[in-house]
Amino acid sequence: MKPVAPLFRRAAAAASPEQADTPMRCTRTPSLASLRPLTAALAAALAVFAGALAVPVAALAQTAPPASASAPAVASGPDAYAAAEAHDRREQAALDERRADVARRNDDMMRRYQTQQHDCYARFLVNRCLDQAREAMRSEKAALRVEQLAIEDESRALRTAARQRREAQREQQRLADAPRREAEEQRNQAQYQARQQAQAQRAAQRAAEAPQRAANERAYEQKQAERRAQASEAAAGASAAAARRADNASRYEAKQRDAEENRQRVEARRANAARRAASAADTASAPPPAATPTPAPGPVSTPSPAPGVSTPRPGK
């Protein structure tokens, strides 16, 4: 049970805003008017104090769930946590229903208070009726406020238990996964060290093979230079051979022309010789001419050779 003094203070604070609704008092005798505020205040204080003493027990007896129903789950595991979550959902739904019931009863109380205020103006003692209605409203409102505070306390306790249970579940899962995480970390560490060692070995091997690679590169460059020189020499030789072939071809053509010219000259000489021989034969077979005076010898003219035909020399 909660302490009575805080509940009384919260109930009184919840009921205090209604003091502004106090209408103008209409009194007939000064003696009764001077005693009525003191009497009303004393009655209100007694009513609120009695409500604060009586209502928490009734409210807690009415709203508190059974011990077996509200006990948190002690067992662990997915099934136990799922059952606890389902229990929390049911408890939260019950709290929501109780909260809605308190709000509904508060609305009904305010409607009754407004109706009582309206009815009080039809009575003879208006102020007394209004004071009684107000005090009744304050008492009922204080009781509803106590019940509402109890509901909010239970809701906070339920949320706290759910949060602690989730934290416990996460911690249990973390502890359950600890061997697996440790094994995975060890495996990752071993793989990392193996990669580092392999990288170091490759670096050492590259450093050891560096002279051989440099020698191979030099040999390759030298071989490439020799191939380029051979290619240049081959190109130069091919150019020289082509020039020689062109010169030989021009010489061969010149020789062919000279041979053709010589053949033509020889054929011309043979033709001239054949004509002279034929002419001499014709002259020898003809009858001798009549005797005629012999002319004086003069210079003998020889026929000029044809162009391109050389004159035969004597003795040939």
C-alpha atoms as a PDB file:
ATOM      1  CA  MET A   1       0.000   0.000   0.000  1.00  0.00           C
ATOM      2  CA  LYS A   2       1.252   3.497  -0.835  1.00  0.00           C
ATOM      3  CA  PRO A   3       1.700   6.095   1.948  1.00  0.00           C
ATOM      4  CA  VAL A   4      -1.464   8.014   2.752  1.00  0.00           C
ATOM      5  CA  ALA A   5       0.118  11.481   2.865  1.00  0.00           C
ATOM      6  CA  PRO A   6       1.354  11.568  -0.780  1.00  0.00           C
ATOM      7  CA  LEU A   7      -1.940  10.173  -2.001  1.00  0.00           C
ATOM      8  CA  PHE A   8      -3.820  12.740   0.059  1.00  0.00           C
ATOM      9  CA  ARG A   9      -1.655  15.536  -1.354  1.00  0.00           C
ATOM     10  CA  ARG A  10      -2.110  14.351  -4.951  1.00  0.00           C
ATOM     11  CA  ALA A  11      -5.867  13.921  -4.449  1.00  0.00           C
ATOM     12  CA  ALA A  12      -6.166  17.370  -2.932  1.00  0.00           C
ATOM     13  CA  ALA A  13      -4.120  18.860  -5.792  1.00  0.00           C
ATOM     14  CA  ALA A  14      -6.354  17.113  -8.326  1.00  0.00           C
ATOM     15  CA  ALA A  15      -9.475  18.456  -6.625  1.00  0.00           C
ATOM     16  CA  SER A  16      -8.240  22.037  -6.088  1.00  0.00           C
ATOM     17  CA  PRO A  17      -8.948  23.410  -9.635  1.00  0.00           C
ATOM     18  CA  GLU A  18     -12.687  23.215  -8.998  1.00  0.00           C
ATOM     19  CA  GLN A  19     -12.580  26.002  -6.386  1.00  0.00           C
ATOM     20  CA  ALA A  20     -12.939  28.606  -9.104  1.00  0.00           C
ATOM     21  CA  ASP A  21     -16.474  27.357  -9.833  1.00  0.00           C
ATOM     22  CA  THR A  22     -17.803  28.541  -6.444  1.00  0.00           C
ATOM     23  CA  PRO A  23     -20.851  30.807  -7.123  1.00  0.00           C
ATOM     24  CA  MET A  24     -21.776  33.887  -5.154  1.00  0.00           C
ATOM     25  CA  ARG A  25     -23.057  32.883  -1.748  1.00  0.00           C
ATOM     26  CA  CYS A  26     -26.620  33.811  -0.902  1.00  0.00           C
ATOM     27  CA  THR A  27     -27.053  33.821   2.915  1.00  0.00           C
ATOM     28  CA  ARG A  28     -29.862  35.013   5.079  1.00  0.00           C
ATOM     29  CA  THR A  29     -28.365  34.978   8.585  1.00  0.00           C
ATOM     30  CA  PRO A  30     -24.805  36.165   9.303  1.00  0.00           C
ATOM     31  CA  SER A  31     -24.255  33.519  11.931  1.00  0.00           C
ATOM     32  CA  LEU A  32     -24.927  30.634   9.596  1.00  0.00           C
ATOM     33  CA  ALA A  33     -22.966  32.301   6.799  1.00  0.00           C
ATOM     34  CA  SER A  34     -19.921  32.666   9.015  1.00  0.00           C
ATOM     35  CA  LEU A  35     -20.035  29.025  10.100  1.00  0.00           C
ATOM     36  CA  ARG A  36     -20.853  27.465   6.725  1.00  0.00           C
ATOM     37  CA  PRO A  37     -17.358  27.845   5.091  1.00  0.00           C
ATOM     38  CA  LEU A  38     -15.669  26.319   8.129  1.00  0.00           C
ATOM     39  CA  THR A  39     -18.152  23.461   8.189  1.00  0.00           C
ATOM     40  CA  ALA A  40     -17.794  22.841   4.456  1.00  0.00           C
ATOM     41  CA  ALA A  41     -14.001  22.890   4.614  1.00  0.00           C
ATOM     42  CA  LEU A  42     -13.967  20.517   7.576  1.00  0.00           C
ATOM     43  CA  ALA A  43     -16.390  18.157   5.853  1.00  0.00           C
ATOM     44  CA  ALA A  44     -14.319  18.226   2.656  1.00  0.00           C
ATOM     45  CA  ALA A  45     -11.121  17.499   4.550  1.00  0.00           C
ATOM     46  CA  LEU A  46     -12.713  14.610   6.411  1.00  0.00           C
ATOM     47  CA  ALA A  47     -14.213  13.210   3.215  1.00  0.00           C
ATOM     48  CA  VAL A  48     -10.937  13.394   1.323  1.00  0.00           C
ATOM     49  CA  PHE A  49      -9.019  11.866   4.223  1.00  0.00           C
ATOM     50  CA  ALA A  50     -11.547   9.049   4.566  1.00  0.00           C
ATOM     51  CA  GLY A  51     -11.450   8.455   0.813  1.00  0.00           C
ATOM     52  CA  ALA A  52      -7.663   8.398   0.844  1.00  0.00           C
ATOM     53  CA  LEU A  53      -7.724   5.787   3.600  1.00  0.00           C
ATOM     54  CA  ALA A  54     -10.480   3.629   2.183  1.00  0.00           C
ATOM     55  CA  VAL A  55     -10.023   3.855  -1.561  1.00  0.00           C
ATOM     56  CA  PRO A  56      -6.422   2.589  -1.936  1.00  0.00           C
ATOM     57  CA  VAL A  57      -7.271  -0.678  -0.236  1.00  0.00           C
ATOM     58  CA  ALA A  58     -10.399  -1.154  -2.313  1.00  0.00           C
ATOM     59  CA  ALA A  59      -8.682  -0.018  -5.499  1.00  0.00           C
ATOM     60  CA  LEU A  60      -5.706  -2.248  -4.940  1.00  0.00           C
ATOM     61  CA  ALA A  61      -7.943  -5.158  -4.039  1.00  0.00           C
ATOM     62  CA  GLN A  62     -10.012  -4.520  -7.139  1.00  0.00           C
ATOM     63  CA  THR A  63      -7.221  -3.800  -9.638  1.00  0.00           C
ATOM     64  CA  ALA A  64      -4.199  -5.772  -8.414  1.00  0.00           C
ATOM     65  CA  PRO A  65      -3.670  -8.962 -10.432  1.00  0.00           C
ATOM     66  CA  PRO A  66      -3.090 -12.299  -8.726  1.00  0.00           C
ATOM     67  CA  ALA A  67       0.404 -13.088  -7.553  1.00  0.00           C
ATOM     68  CA  SER A  68       0.632 -16.075  -9.873  1.00  0.00           C
ATOM     69  CA  ALA A  69      -0.430 -14.004 -12.864  1.00  0.00           C
ATOM     70  CA  SER A  70       1.930 -11.056 -12.301  1.00  0.00           C
ATOM     71  CA  ALA A  71       5.008 -13.052 -11.298  1.00  0.00           C
ATOM     72  CA  PRO A  72       7.807 -12.648 -13.824  1.00  0.00           C
ATOM     73  CA  ALA A  73       9.094 -15.636 -15.693  1.00  0.00           C
ATOM     74  CA  VAL A  74      12.105 -17.156 -13.992  1.00  0.00           C
ATOM     75  CA  ALA A  75      12.907 -19.772 -16.594  1.00  0.00           C
ATOM     76  CA  SER A  76      15.065 -18.827 -19.533  1.00  0.00           C
ATOM     77  CA  GLY A  77      14.965 -19.755 -23.144  1.00  0.00           C
ATOM     78  CA  PRO A  78      13.020 -18.678 -26.209  1.00  0.00           C
ATOM     79  CA  ASP A  79       9.787 -20.324 -25.033  1.00  0.00           C
ATOM     80  CA  ALA A  80       9.974 -18.725 -21.587  1.00  0.00           C
ATOM     81  CA  TYR A  81      10.688 -15.288 -23.043  1.00  0.00           C
ATOM     82  CA  ALA A  82       7.859 -15.667 -25.547  1.00  0.00           C
ATOM     83  CA  ALA A  83       5.486 -16.656 -22.734  1.00  0.00           C
ATOM     84  CA  ALA A  84       6.638 -13.653 -20.689  1.00  0.00           C
ATOM     85  CA  GLU A  85       6.057 -11.329 -23.644  1.00  0.00           C
ATOM     86  CA  ALA A  86       2.561 -12.744 -24.116  1.00  0.00           C
ATOM     87  CA  HIS A  87       1.897 -12.277 -20.389  1.00  0.00           C
ATOM     88  CA  ASP A  88       3.069  -8.653 -20.613  1.00  0.00           C
ATOM     89  CA  ARG A  89       0.777  -8.025 -23.553  1.00  0.00           C
ATOM     90  CA  ARG A  90      -2.178  -9.425 -21.627  1.00  0.00           C
ATOM     91  CA  GLU A  91      -1.288  -7.355 -18.566  1.00  0.00           C
ATOM     92  CA  GLN A  92      -0.916  -4.224 -20.677  1.00  0.00           C
ATOM     93  CA  ALA A  93      -4.288  -4.866 -22.307  1.00  0.00           C
ATOM     94  CA  ALA A  94      -5.860  -5.267 -18.851  1.00  0.00           C
ATOM     95  CA  LEU A  95      -4.248  -2.005 -17.717  1.00  0.00           C
ATOM     96  CA  ASP A  96      -5.550  -0.254 -20.809  1.00  0.00           C
ATOM     97  CA  GLU A  97      -9.048  -1.535 -20.044  1.00  0.00           C
ATOM     98  CA  ARG A  98      -8.793  -0.316 -16.436  1.00  0.00           C
ATOM     99  CA  ARG A  99      -7.471   3.062 -17.626  1.00  0.00           C
ATOM    100  CA  ALA A 100     -10.369   3.381 -20.045  1.00  0.00           C
ATOM    101  CA  ASP A 101     -12.780   2.389 -17.255  1.00  0.00           C
ATOM    102  CA  VAL A 102     -11.340   5.103 -14.978  1.00  0.00           C
ATOM    103  CA  ALA A 103     -11.694   7.677 -17.754  1.00  0.00           C
ATOM    104  CA  ARG A 104     -15.268   6.561 -18.383  1.00  0.00           C
ATOM    105  CA  ARG A 105     -16.143   6.770 -14.680  1.00  0.00           C
ATOM    106  CA  ASN A 106     -14.523  10.214 -14.509  1.00  0.00           C
ATOM    107  CA  ASP A 107     -16.686  11.389 -17.412  1.00  0.00           C
ATOM    108  CA  ASP A 108     -19.797   9.977 -15.714  1.00  0.00           C
ATOM    109  CA  MET A 109     -18.824  11.722 -12.476  1.00  0.00           C
ATOM    110  CA  MET A 110     -18.380  15.079 -14.229  1.00  0.00           C
ATOM    111  CA  ARG A 111     -21.753  14.693 -15.935  1.00  0.00           C
ATOM    112  CA  ARG A 112     -23.390  13.902 -12.587  1.00  0.00           C
ATOM    113  CA  TYR A 113     -21.650  16.896 -11.010  1.00  0.00           C
ATOM    114  CA  GLN A 114     -22.902  19.201 -13.735  1.00  0.00           C
ATOM    115  CA  THR A 115     -26.411  17.797 -13.303  1.00  0.00           C
ATOM    116  CA  GLN A 116     -26.209  18.296  -9.535  1.00  0.00           C
ATOM    117  CA  GLN A 117     -24.998  21.862 -10.045  1.00  0.00           C
ATOM    118  CA  HIS A 118     -27.975  22.525 -12.297  1.00  0.00           C
ATOM    119  CA  ASP A 119     -30.377  20.980  -9.774  1.00  0.00           C
ATOM    120  CA  CYS A 120     -28.899  22.952  -6.859  1.00  0.00           C
ATOM    121  CA  TYR A 121     -30.098  26.244  -8.291  1.00  0.00           C
ATOM    122  CA  ALA A 122     -33.674  25.025  -7.931  1.00  0.00           C
ATOM    123  CA  ARG A 123     -33.293  24.459  -4.179  1.00  0.00           C
ATOM    124  CA  PHE A 124     -33.599  26.862  -1.265  1.00  0.00           C
ATOM    125  CA  LEU A 125     -30.075  26.370   0.124  1.00  0.00           C
ATOM    126  CA  VAL A 126     -28.162  26.771  -3.150  1.00  0.00           C
ATOM    127  CA  ASN A 127     -24.695  27.208  -1.676  1.00  0.00           C
ATOM    128  CA  ARG A 128     -24.972  24.261   0.634  1.00  0.00           C
ATOM    129  CA  CYS A 129     -26.163  22.052  -2.208  1.00  0.00           C
ATOM    130  CA  LEU A 130     -23.329  23.251  -4.415  1.00  0.00           C
ATOM    131  CA  ASP A 131     -20.784  22.654  -1.661  1.00  0.00           C
ATOM    132  CA  GLN A 132     -22.061  19.135  -1.073  1.00  0.00           C
ATOM    133  CA  ALA A 133     -22.013  18.354  -4.786  1.00  0.00           C
ATOM    134  CA  ARG A 134     -18.506  19.773  -5.092  1.00  0.00           C
ATOM    135  CA  GLU A 135     -17.201  17.818  -2.115  1.00  0.00           C
ATOM    136  CA  ALA A 136     -18.753  14.620  -3.434  1.00  0.00           C
ATOM    137  CA  MET A 137     -17.166  15.287  -6.812  1.00  0.00           C
ATOM    138  CA  ARG A 138     -13.788  15.947  -5.198  1.00  0.00           C
ATOM    139  CA  SER A 139     -13.965  12.785  -3.117  1.00  0.00           C
ATOM    140  CA  GLU A 140     -14.860  10.645  -6.128  1.00  0.00           C
ATOM    141  CA  LYS A 141     -12.249  12.393  -8.240  1.00  0.00           C
ATOM    142  CA  ALA A 142      -9.604  11.766  -5.578  1.00  0.00           C
ATOM    143  CA  ALA A 143     -10.553   8.087  -5.528  1.00  0.00           C
ATOM    144  CA  LEU A 144     -10.322   7.924  -9.310  1.00  0.00           C
ATOM    145  CA  ARG A 145      -6.980   9.721  -9.166  1.00  0.00           C
ATOM    146  CA  VAL A 146      -5.655   7.191  -6.652  1.00  0.00           C
ATOM    147  CA  GLU A 147      -6.795   4.357  -8.885  1.00  0.00           C
ATOM    148  CA  GLN A 148      -5.265   6.050 -11.928  1.00  0.00           C
ATOM    149  CA  LEU A 149      -1.949   6.482 -10.118  1.00  0.00           C
ATOM    150  CA  ALA A 150      -2.000   2.812  -9.140  1.00  0.00           C
ATOM    151  CA  ILE A 151      -2.602   1.869 -12.787  1.00  0.00           C
ATOM    152  CA  GLU A 152       0.298   4.053 -13.924  1.00  0.00           C
ATOM    153  CA  ASP A 153       2.554   2.536 -11.252  1.00  0.00           C
ATOM    154  CA  GLU A 154       1.661  -0.961 -12.432  1.00  0.00           C
ATOM    155  CA  SER A 155       2.240   0.076 -16.048  1.00  0.00           C
ATOM    156  CA  ARG A 156       5.682   1.461 -15.199  1.00  0.00           C
ATOM    157  CA  ALA A 157       6.525  -1.676 -13.239  1.00  0.00           C
ATOM    158  CA  LEU A 158       5.390  -3.784 -16.183  1.00  0.00           C
ATOM    159  CA  ARG A 159       7.539  -1.798 -18.616  1.00  0.00           C
ATOM    160  CA  THR A 160      10.500  -1.981 -16.233  1.00  0.00           C
ATOM    161  CA  ALA A 161      10.133  -5.750 -15.902  1.00  0.00           C
ATOM    162  CA  ALA A 162       9.870  -6.110 -19.680  1.00  0.00           C
ATOM    163  CA  ARG A 163      12.969  -3.972 -20.182  1.00  0.00           C
ATOM    164  CA  GLN A 164      14.919  -5.948 -17.592  1.00  0.00           C
ATOM    165  CA  ARG A 165      13.771  -9.183 -19.164  1.00  0.00           C
ATOM    166  CA  ARG A 166      14.886  -8.029 -22.600  1.00  0.00           C
ATOM    167  CA  GLU A 167      18.239  -6.985 -21.179  1.00  0.00           C
ATOM    168  CA  ALA A 168      18.557 -10.359 -19.471  1.00  0.00           C
ATOM    169  CA  GLN A 169      17.641 -12.075 -22.730  1.00  0.00           C
ATOM    170  CA  ARG A 170      20.261 -10.092 -24.627  1.00  0.00           C
ATOM    171  CA  GLU A 171      22.838 -10.851 -21.946  1.00  0.00           C
ATOM    172  CA  GLN A 172      21.948 -14.534 -22.009  1.00  0.00           C
ATOM    173  CA  GLN A 173      22.176 -14.553 -25.800  1.00  0.00           C
ATOM    174  CA  ARG A 174      25.517 -12.781 -25.604  1.00  0.00           C
ATOM    175  CA  LEU A 175      26.823 -15.336 -23.119  1.00  0.00           C
ATOM    176  CA  ALA A 176      25.471 -18.172 -25.255  1.00  0.00           C
ATOM    177  CA  ASP A 177      27.144 -16.722 -28.345  1.00  0.00           C
ATOM    178  CA  ALA A 178      30.418 -16.019 -26.530  1.00  0.00           C
ATOM    179  CA  PRO A 179      32.087 -19.373 -27.462  1.00  0.00           C
ATOM    180  CA  ARG A 180      31.038 -18.995 -31.076  1.00  0.00           C
ATOM    181  CA  ARG A 181      32.248 -15.399 -31.216  1.00  0.00           C
ATOM    182  CA  GLU A 182      35.520 -16.360 -29.554  1.00  0.00           C
ATOM    183  CA  ALA A 183      36.042 -19.232 -31.993  1.00  0.00           C
ATOM    184  CA  GLU A 184      35.208 -16.949 -34.897  1.00  0.00           C
ATOM    185  CA  GLU A 185      37.611 -14.307 -33.630  1.00  0.00           C
ATOM    186  CA  GLN A 186      40.349 -16.911 -33.235  1.00  0.00           C
ATOM    187  CA  ARG A 187      39.676 -18.209 -36.738  1.00  0.00           C
ATOM    188  CA  ASN A 188      39.756 -14.696 -38.146  1.00  0.00           C
ATOM    189  CA  GLN A 189      42.961 -13.971 -36.256  1.00  0.00           C
ATOM    190  CA  ALA A 190      44.547 -17.178 -37.554  1.00  0.00           C
ATOM    191  CA  GLN A 191      43.485 -16.351 -41.105  1.00  0.00           C
ATOM    192  CA  TYR A 192      44.855 -12.842 -40.743  1.00  0.00           C
ATOM    193  CA  GLN A 193      48.193 -14.122 -39.446  1.00  0.00           C
ATOM    194  CA  ALA A 194      48.349 -16.687 -42.261  1.00  0.00           C
ATOM    195  CA  ARG A 195      47.710 -13.956 -44.820  1.00  0.00           C
ATOM    196  CA  GLN A 196      50.373 -11.776 -43.223  1.00  0.00           C
ATOM    197  CA  GLN A 197      52.899 -14.632 -43.275  1.00  0.00           C
ATOM    198  CA  ALA A 198      52.081 -15.463 -46.895  1.00  0.00           C
ATOM    199  CA  GLN A 199      52.471 -11.822 -47.841  1.00  0.00           C
ATOM    200  CA  ALA A 200      55.814 -11.635 -46.022  1.00  0.00           C
ATOM    201  CA  GLN A 201      57.000 -14.807 -47.792  1.00  0.00           C
ATOM    202  CA  ARG A 202      55.970 -13.419 -51.172  1.00  0.00           C
ATOM    203  CA  ALA A 203      57.789 -10.168 -50.407  1.00  0.00           C
ATOM    204  CA  ALA A 204      60.942 -12.071 -49.394  1.00  0.00           C
ATOM    205  CA  GLN A 205      60.735 -14.236 -52.506  1.00  0.00           C
ATOM    206  CA  ARG A 206      60.352 -11.165 -54.708  1.00  0.00           C
ATOM    207  CA  ALA A 207      63.353  -9.575 -53.000  1.00  0.00           C
ATOM    208  CA  ALA A 208      65.418 -12.750 -53.547  1.00  0.00           C
ATOM    209  CA  GLU A 209      64.363 -12.996 -57.197  1.00  0.00           C
ATOM    210  CA  ALA A 210      65.004  -9.315 -57.900  1.00  0.00           C
ATOM    211  CA  PRO A 211      68.604  -9.817 -59.253  1.00  0.00           C
ATOM    212  CA  GLN A 212      67.490 -12.665 -61.499  1.00  0.00           C
ATOM    213  CA  ARG A 213      64.563 -10.606 -62.764  1.00  0.00           C
ATOM    214  CA  ALA A 214      66.923  -7.691 -63.462  1.00  0.00           C
ATOM    215  CA  ALA A 215      69.311 -10.010 -65.349  1.00  0.00           C
ATOM    216  CA  ASN A 216      66.422 -11.466 -67.322  1.00  0.00           C
ATOM    217  CA  GLU A 217      65.228  -7.999 -68.200  1.00  0.00           C
ATOM    218  CA  ARG A 218      68.716  -6.985 -69.347  1.00  0.00           C
ATOM    219  CA  ALA A 219      69.021 -10.161 -71.446  1.00  0.00           C
ATOM    220  CA  TYR A 220      65.624  -9.522 -72.933  1.00  0.00           C
ATOM    221  CA  GLU A 221      66.523  -5.936 -73.788  1.00  0.00           C
ATOM    222  CA  GLN A 222      69.796  -7.097 -75.354  1.00  0.00           C
ATOM    223  CA  LYS A 223      68.020  -9.743 -77.402  1.00  0.00           C
ATOM    224  CA  GLN A 224      65.466  -7.193 -78.534  1.00  0.00           C
ATOM    225  CA  ALA A 225      68.286  -4.831 -79.538  1.00  0.00           C
ATOM    226  CA  GLU A 226      69.970  -7.638 -81.517  1.00  0.00           C
ATOM    227  CA  ARG A 227      66.709  -8.451 -83.236  1.00  0.00           C
ATOM    228  CA  ARG A 228      66.221  -4.813 -84.122  1.00  0.00           C
ATOM    229  CA  ALA A 229      69.800  -4.644 -85.502  1.00  0.00           C
ATOM    230  CA  GLN A 230      69.262  -7.834 -87.520  1.00  0.00           C
ATOM    231  CA  ALA A 231      66.032  -6.444 -88.855  1.00  0.00           C
ATOM    232  CA  SER A 232      67.795  -3.219 -89.845  1.00  0.00           C
ATOM    233  CA  GLU A 233      70.591  -5.186 -91.545  1.00  0.00           C
ATOM    234  CA  ALA A 234      68.077  -7.362 -93.337  1.00  0.00           C
ATOM    235  CA  ALA A 235      66.210  -4.299 -94.526  1.00  0.00           C
ATOM    236  CA  ALA A 236      69.461  -2.716 -95.737  1.00  0.00           C
ATOM    237  CA  GLY A 237      70.457  -5.959 -97.499  1.00  0.00           C
ATOM    238  CA  ALA A 238      67.066  -6.199 -99.120  1.00  0.00           C
ATOM    239  CA  SER A 239      67.399  -2.629-100.366  1.00  0.00           C
ATOM    240  CA  ALA A 240      70.876  -3.353-101.780  1.00  0.00           C
ATOM    241  CA  ALA A 241      69.666  -6.557-103.421  1.00  0.00           C
ATOM    242  CA  ALA A 242      66.757  -4.705-104.956  1.00  0.00           C
ATOM    243  CA  ALA A 243      69.154  -2.071-106.291  1.00  0.00           C
ATOM    244  CA  ARG A 244      71.420  -4.804-107.710  1.00  0.00           C
ATOM    245  CA  ARG A 245      68.493  -6.532-109.332  1.00  0.00           C
ATOM    246  CA  ALA A 246      67.352  -3.265-110.883  1.00  0.00           C
ATOM    247  CA  ASP A 247      70.904  -2.594-112.210  1.00  0.00           C
ATOM    248  CA  ASN A 248      71.192  -6.126-113.585  1.00  0.00           C
ATOM    249  CA  ALA A 249      67.839  -5.779-115.263  1.00  0.00           C
ATOM    250  CA  SER A 250      68.845  -2.486-116.889  1.00  0.00           C
ATOM    251  CA  ARG A 251      72.151  -4.033-118.069  1.00  0.00           C
ATOM    252  CA  TYR A 252      70.352  -7.061-119.428  1.00  0.00           C
ATOM    253  CA  GLU A 253      67.960  -4.867-121.354  1.00  0.00           C
ATOM    254  CA  ALA A 254      70.888  -2.859-122.757  1.00  0.00           C
ATOM    255  CA  LYS A 255      72.612  -6.083-123.867  1.00  0.00           C
ATOM    256  CA  GLN A 256      69.399  -7.258-125.470  1.00  0.00           C
ATOM    257  CA  ARG A 257      69.114  -4.004-127.385  1.00  0.00           C
ATOM    258  CA  ASP A 258      72.772  -4.231-128.521  1.00  0.00           C
ATOM    259  CA  ALA A 259      72.268  -7.838-129.625  1.00  0.00           C
ATOM    260  CA  GLU A 260      69.155  -6.904-131.588  1.00  0.00           C
ATOM    261  CA  GLU A 261      70.962  -4.044-133.308  1.00  0.00           C
ATOM    262  CA  ASN A 262      73.896  -6.342-134.164  1.00  0.00           C
ATOM    263  CA  ARG A 263      71.525  -8.973-135.557  1.00  0.00           C
ATOM    264  CA  GLN A 264      69.839  -6.371-137.728  1.00  0.00           C
ATOM    265  CA  ARG A 265      73.212  -5.189-139.066  1.00  0.00           C
ATOM    266  CA  VAL A 266      74.291  -8.746-139.855  1.00  0.00           C
ATOM    267  CA  GLU A 267      71.053  -9.455-141.683  1.00  0.00           C
ATOM    268  CA  ALA A 268      71.444  -6.220-143.683  1.00  0.00           C
ATOM    269  CA  ARG A 269      74.987  -7.171-144.707  1.00  0.00           C
ATOM    270  CA  ARG A 270      73.839 -10.607-145.758  1.00  0.00           C
ATOM    271  CA  ALA A 271      71.032  -9.128-147.812  1.00  0.00           C
ATOM    272  CA  ASN A 272      73.440  -6.712-149.560  1.00  0.00           C
ATOM    273  CA  ALA A 273      75.854  -9.531-150.256  1.00  0.00           C
ATOM    274  CA  ALA A 274      73.055 -11.631-151.705  1.00  0.00           C
ATOM    275  CA  ARG A 275      71.953  -8.794-153.973  1.00  0.00           C
ATOM    276  CA  ARG A 276      75.504  -8.199-155.218  1.00  0.00           C
ATOM    277  CA  ALA A 277      75.959 -11.884-155.879  1.00  0.00           C
ATOM    278  CA  ALA A 278      72.728 -12.021-157.820  1.00  0.00           C
ATOM    279  CA  SER A 279      73.673  -8.940-159.773  1.00  0.00           C
ATOM    280  CA  ALA A 280      77.069 -10.437-160.647  1.00  0.00           C
ATOM    281  CA  ALA A 281      75.471 -13.664-161.806  1.00  0.00           C
ATOM    282  CA  ASP A 282      73.091 -11.805-164.050  1.00  0.00           C
ATOM    283  CA  THR A 283      75.932  -9.870-165.559  1.00  0.00           C
ATOM    284  CA  ALA A 284      77.970 -13.007-166.257  1.00  0.00           C
ATOM    285  CA  SER A 285      75.138 -14.823-168.015  1.00  0.00           C
ATOM    286  CA  ALA A 286      74.252 -11.937-170.359  1.00  0.00           C
ATOM    287  CA  PRO A 287      75.747 -11.947-174.021  1.00  0.00           C
ATOM    288  CA  PRO A 288      78.722  -9.788-174.516  1.00  0.00           C
ATOM    289  CA  PRO A 289      77.826  -6.402-175.850  1.00  0.00           C
ATOM    290  CA  ALA A 290      78.985  -5.047-179.157  1.00  0.00           C
ATOM    291  CA  ALA A 291      82.355  -3.538-179.309  1.00  0.00           C
ATOM    292  CA  THR A 292      82.157  -0.003-178.483  1.00  0.00           C
ATOM    293  CA  PRO A 293      84.830   2.408-177.894  1.00  0.00           C
ATOM    294  CA  THR A 294      86.165   2.141-174.492  1.00  0.00           C
ATOM    295  CA  PRO A 295      85.702   5.245-172.574  1.00  0.00           C
ATOM    296  CA  ALA A 296      88.435   6.721-170.658  1.00  0.00           C
ATOM    297  CA  PRO A 297      88.671   5.304-167.193  1.00  0.00           C
ATOM    298  CA  GLY A 298      87.322   7.552-164.578  1.00  0.00           C
ATOM    299  CA  PRO A 299      86.650   7.347-160.943  1.00  0.00           C
ATOM    300  CA  VAL A 300      84.573   4.396-159.857  1.00  0.00           C
ATOM    301  CA  SER A 301      81.585   5.256-157.715  1.00  0.00           C
ATOM    302  CA  THR A 302      80.534   2.794-155.115  1.00  0.00           C
ATOM    303  CA  PRO A 303      77.052   2.613-153.856  1.00  0.00           C
ATOM    304  CA  SER A 304      76.566   4.079-150.442  1.00  0.00           C
ATOM    305  CA  PRO A 305      75.520   1.526-147.857  1.00  0.00           C
ATOM    306  CA  ALA A 306      72.066   1.577-146.401  1.00  0.00           C
ATOM    307  CA  PRO A 307      71.612   3.270-143.088  1.00  0.00           C
ATOM    308  CA  GLY A 308      72.637   1.028-140.277  1.00  0.00           C
ATOM    309  CA  VAL A 309      74.612  -1.329-142.578  1.00  0.00           C
ATOM    310  CA  SER A 310      78.378  -1.307-142.291  1.00  0.00           C
ATOM    311  CA  THR A 311      80.491  -1.487-145.433  1.00  0.00           C
ATOM    312  CA  PRO A 312      82.419  -4.781-145.657  1.00  0.00           C
ATOM    313  CA  ARG A 313      86.086  -4.354-145.501  1.00  0.00           C
ATOM    314  CA  PRO A 314      88.410  -6.061-147.977  1.00  0.00           C
ATOM    315  CA  GLY A 315      89.617  -9.404-146.938  1.00  0.00           C
ATOM    316  CA  LYS A 316      86.559 -10.255-145.023  1.00  0.00           C
END
